């Protein structure tokens, strides 16, 4: 039985809160120049960040370089982390910003802001995403713009909330929702057009 003032959600969220507190302590140690702490942080995030960056930039060598630049920025900025977001969100934002900067310099043809698109215009049954096989989605996901890929990746691959993604991408939550809706509509069309939709 739960104590007064507690809930099942509190018990369910306890491991996430502990992990978040552990990461904050780890980042604080990194901020003080602790290389062992930095290696632990790197071990935790290098693979997921590399995959995220690679999905945005589509070039392995660029993704490797951007990953290293992201971790240099993490090392240099750890002491300035103020805790206004989770460590995970802060780290993803650094990687996201590195990738977007690279895209602006190297792939100017990609649209980086579709915030003008009204969210209501792109209603899609999100349950369709669950039915598609991962490999089919990966094929068509590459055809989306960097921001649309980022939102889909951060939600479905990394389990981040719209609020966390808004912090990472430095945009309103409504823009994240709009981008997700737009991306899902386009994924639906791309899958149907490529005969991958079944």
Protein backbone atom coordinates (compact mmCIF):
# COMPACT_ATOMS: atom_id res chain seq x y z
CA UNK A 1 0.00 0.00 0.00
CA UNK A 2 1.24 3.46 -0.85
CA UNK A 3 1.82 6.12 1.76
CA UNK A 4 -0.33 9.23 1.72
CA UNK A 5 1.16 11.73 -0.70
CA UNK A 6 2.93 9.08 -2.80
CA UNK A 7 1.74 7.34 -5.90
CA UNK A 8 2.56 4.43 -8.17
CA UNK A 9 4.12 6.97 -10.54
CA UNK A 10 6.53 8.08 -7.79
CA UNK A 11 7.72 4.50 -7.31
CA UNK A 12 7.96 3.98 -11.07
CA UNK A 13 9.99 7.18 -11.55
CA UNK A 14 12.41 6.48 -8.69
CA UNK A 15 15.04 4.70 -10.86
CA UNK A 16 14.93 7.55 -13.39
CA UNK A 17 15.34 10.13 -10.61
CA UNK A 18 18.27 8.19 -9.15
CA UNK A 19 19.90 7.88 -12.60
CA UNK A 20 19.42 11.61 -13.14
CA UNK A 21 20.98 12.42 -9.76
CA UNK A 22 23.89 10.08 -10.49
CA UNK A 23 24.46 11.76 -13.86
CA UNK A 24 24.40 15.20 -12.26
CA UNK A 25 27.06 14.12 -9.76
CA UNK A 26 29.10 12.58 -12.58
CA UNK A 27 28.87 15.77 -14.67
CA UNK A 28 29.86 17.84 -11.65
CA UNK A 29 33.00 15.70 -11.32
CA UNK A 30 33.69 16.18 -15.04
CA UNK A 31 33.36 19.93 -14.48
CA UNK A 32 36.13 19.67 -11.90
CA UNK A 33 38.43 17.97 -14.41
CA UNK A 34 37.88 14.34 -13.33
CA UNK A 35 38.97 12.24 -16.32
CA UNK A 36 37.57 9.00 -14.90
CA UNK A 37 34.15 10.64 -14.62
CA UNK A 38 34.50 11.91 -18.19
CA UNK A 39 35.34 8.40 -19.40
CA UNK A 40 32.22 7.09 -17.64
CA UNK A 41 30.09 9.77 -19.28
CA UNK A 42 31.67 8.99 -22.64
CA UNK A 43 31.02 5.26 -22.20
CA UNK A 44 27.39 5.98 -21.39
CA UNK A 45 26.67 8.33 -24.29
CA UNK A 46 29.16 7.85 -27.12
CA UNK A 47 27.29 5.18 -29.06
CA UNK A 48 23.81 6.70 -28.79
CA UNK A 49 25.13 10.17 -29.65
CA UNK A 50 27.13 8.84 -32.59
CA UNK A 51 24.06 7.08 -33.98
CA UNK A 52 21.94 10.20 -33.46
CA UNK A 53 24.47 12.46 -35.18
CA UNK A 54 24.97 9.96 -38.01
CA UNK A 55 21.22 9.87 -38.68
CA UNK A 56 21.28 13.65 -39.02
CA UNK A 57 24.40 14.15 -41.14
CA UNK A 58 24.55 10.88 -43.13
CA UNK A 59 28.35 10.79 -43.20
CA UNK A 60 30.33 8.47 -40.93
CA UNK A 61 33.51 10.55 -40.88
CA UNK A 62 31.54 13.73 -40.15
CA UNK A 63 29.55 11.96 -37.41
CA UNK A 64 32.79 10.73 -35.80
CA UNK A 65 34.27 14.21 -35.90
CA UNK A 66 31.09 15.80 -34.58
CA UNK A 67 30.93 13.25 -31.78
CA UNK A 68 34.44 14.19 -30.71
CA UNK A 69 33.62 17.90 -30.95
CA UNK A 70 30.51 17.28 -28.85
CA UNK A 71 32.52 15.58 -26.12
CA UNK A 72 35.10 18.35 -26.17
CA UNK A 73 32.23 20.81 -25.67
CA UNK A 74 30.85 18.63 -22.87
CA UNK A 75 34.27 18.54 -21.17
CA UNK A 76 34.67 22.30 -21.48
CA UNK A 77 31.11 23.15 -20.52
CA UNK A 78 30.47 20.67 -17.69
CA UNK A 79 31.47 23.19 -15.03
CA UNK A 80 28.85 25.62 -16.36
CA UNK A 81 25.97 23.11 -16.28
CA UNK A 82 23.25 24.72 -14.15
CA UNK A 83 20.76 21.88 -13.99
CA UNK A 84 17.90 23.61 -15.82
CA UNK A 85 17.49 20.38 -17.80
CA UNK A 86 18.55 16.79 -17.31
CA UNK A 87 22.15 15.87 -18.09
CA UNK A 88 20.86 13.69 -20.93
CA UNK A 89 18.96 16.59 -22.49
CA UNK A 90 21.95 18.91 -22.09
CA UNK A 91 24.29 16.39 -23.76
CA UNK A 92 21.88 15.73 -26.64
CA UNK A 93 21.49 19.47 -27.17
CA UNK A 94 25.25 19.88 -27.54
CA UNK A 95 25.38 17.04 -30.08
CA UNK A 96 22.32 18.37 -31.89
CA UNK A 97 23.82 21.85 -32.14
CA UNK A 98 27.09 20.42 -33.49
CA UNK A 99 25.18 18.49 -36.17
CA UNK A 100 22.97 21.43 -37.14
CA UNK A 101 26.01 23.71 -37.44
CA UNK A 102 27.70 21.13 -39.67
CA UNK A 103 24.56 20.80 -41.81
CA UNK A 104 24.34 24.55 -42.23
CA UNK A 105 27.94 24.67 -43.42
CA UNK A 106 27.88 21.54 -45.57
CA UNK A 107 24.32 20.87 -46.63
CA UNK A 108 22.63 24.23 -47.06
CA UNK A 109 19.89 22.66 -49.11
CA UNK A 110 18.25 21.07 -46.07
CA UNK A 111 15.43 23.02 -44.50
CA UNK A 112 16.18 23.44 -40.81
CA UNK A 113 12.95 25.05 -39.66
CA UNK A 114 9.45 24.04 -40.61
CA UNK A 115 7.81 25.82 -37.66
CA UNK A 116 5.42 27.70 -39.95
CA UNK A 117 3.49 24.50 -40.70
CA UNK A 118 0.29 24.43 -38.61
CA UNK A 119 0.27 21.32 -36.41
CA UNK A 120 -3.41 20.65 -37.12
CA UNK A 121 -2.70 20.32 -40.83
CA UNK A 122 -0.71 17.12 -40.36
CA UNK A 123 -2.86 14.74 -38.32
CA UNK A 124 -1.57 11.19 -38.60
CA UNK A 125 -2.44 8.01 -36.76
CA UNK A 126 0.72 7.56 -34.66
CA UNK A 127 -0.15 3.90 -34.13
CA UNK A 128 0.98 3.29 -37.73
CA UNK A 129 4.57 3.86 -36.62
CA UNK A 130 4.36 0.90 -34.25
CA UNK A 131 3.26 -1.39 -37.09
CA UNK A 132 6.12 -0.58 -39.42
CA UNK A 133 9.27 -2.62 -39.27
CA UNK A 134 12.37 -0.73 -38.15
CA UNK A 135 14.27 -1.36 -41.36
CA UNK A 136 11.45 0.02 -43.49
CA UNK A 137 11.27 3.16 -41.42
CA UNK A 138 15.06 3.59 -41.52
CA UNK A 139 15.02 3.57 -45.32
CA UNK A 140 12.44 6.33 -45.61
CA UNK A 141 13.60 8.23 -42.52
CA UNK A 142 16.73 9.18 -44.42
CA UNK A 143 14.57 11.09 -46.89
CA UNK A 144 13.29 13.52 -44.24
CA UNK A 145 14.95 16.83 -43.38
CA UNK A 146 17.42 16.93 -40.49
CA UNK A 147 14.91 18.42 -38.04
CA UNK A 148 12.21 15.91 -38.91
CA UNK A 149 14.67 13.01 -38.58
CA UNK A 150 15.89 14.43 -35.27
CA UNK A 151 12.41 14.57 -33.74
CA UNK A 152 11.51 11.04 -34.86
CA UNK A 153 14.87 9.68 -33.67
CA UNK A 154 14.70 11.42 -30.30
CA UNK A 155 11.15 10.18 -29.62
CA UNK A 156 11.29 6.63 -30.96
CA UNK A 157 14.95 5.70 -30.62
CA UNK A 158 15.95 7.63 -27.51
CA UNK A 159 12.62 7.84 -25.67
CA UNK A 160 12.71 11.57 -25.03
CA UNK A 161 9.60 13.63 -24.34
CA UNK A 162 8.50 16.54 -26.53
CA UNK A 163 9.55 18.92 -23.74
CA UNK A 164 13.06 17.44 -23.64
CA UNK A 165 13.31 17.59 -27.43
CA UNK A 166 12.20 21.23 -27.37
CA UNK A 167 15.10 21.96 -25.01
CA UNK A 168 17.56 20.06 -27.21
CA UNK A 169 16.40 21.75 -30.41
CA UNK A 170 15.88 25.15 -28.75
CA UNK A 171 12.34 25.57 -30.02
CA UNK A 172 8.80 25.58 -28.59
CA UNK A 173 7.08 22.27 -27.78
CA UNK A 174 4.47 23.13 -30.41
CA UNK A 175 7.17 23.19 -33.06
CA UNK A 176 8.37 19.75 -31.97
CA UNK A 177 4.79 18.43 -32.20
CA UNK A 178 4.39 20.03 -35.62
CA UNK A 179 7.63 18.50 -36.85
CA UNK A 180 6.60 15.07 -35.53
CA UNK A 181 3.21 15.29 -37.18
CA UNK A 182 4.77 16.44 -40.46
CA UNK A 183 7.41 13.70 -40.28
CA UNK A 184 4.83 10.98 -39.62
CA UNK A 185 2.67 12.19 -42.51
CA UNK A 186 5.67 12.17 -44.82
CA UNK A 187 6.84 8.79 -43.55
CA UNK A 188 3.38 7.43 -44.30
CA UNK A 189 3.47 8.84 -47.84
CA UNK A 190 7.06 7.69 -48.46
CA UNK A 191 6.27 4.18 -47.25
CA UNK A 192 3.19 4.00 -49.46
CA UNK A 193 5.08 5.35 -52.48
CA UNK A 194 8.00 2.95 -52.01
CA UNK A 195 5.78 -0.12 -51.56
CA UNK A 196 7.32 -0.65 -48.14
CA UNK A 197 4.10 0.08 -46.33
CA UNK A 198 2.82 -3.43 -46.86
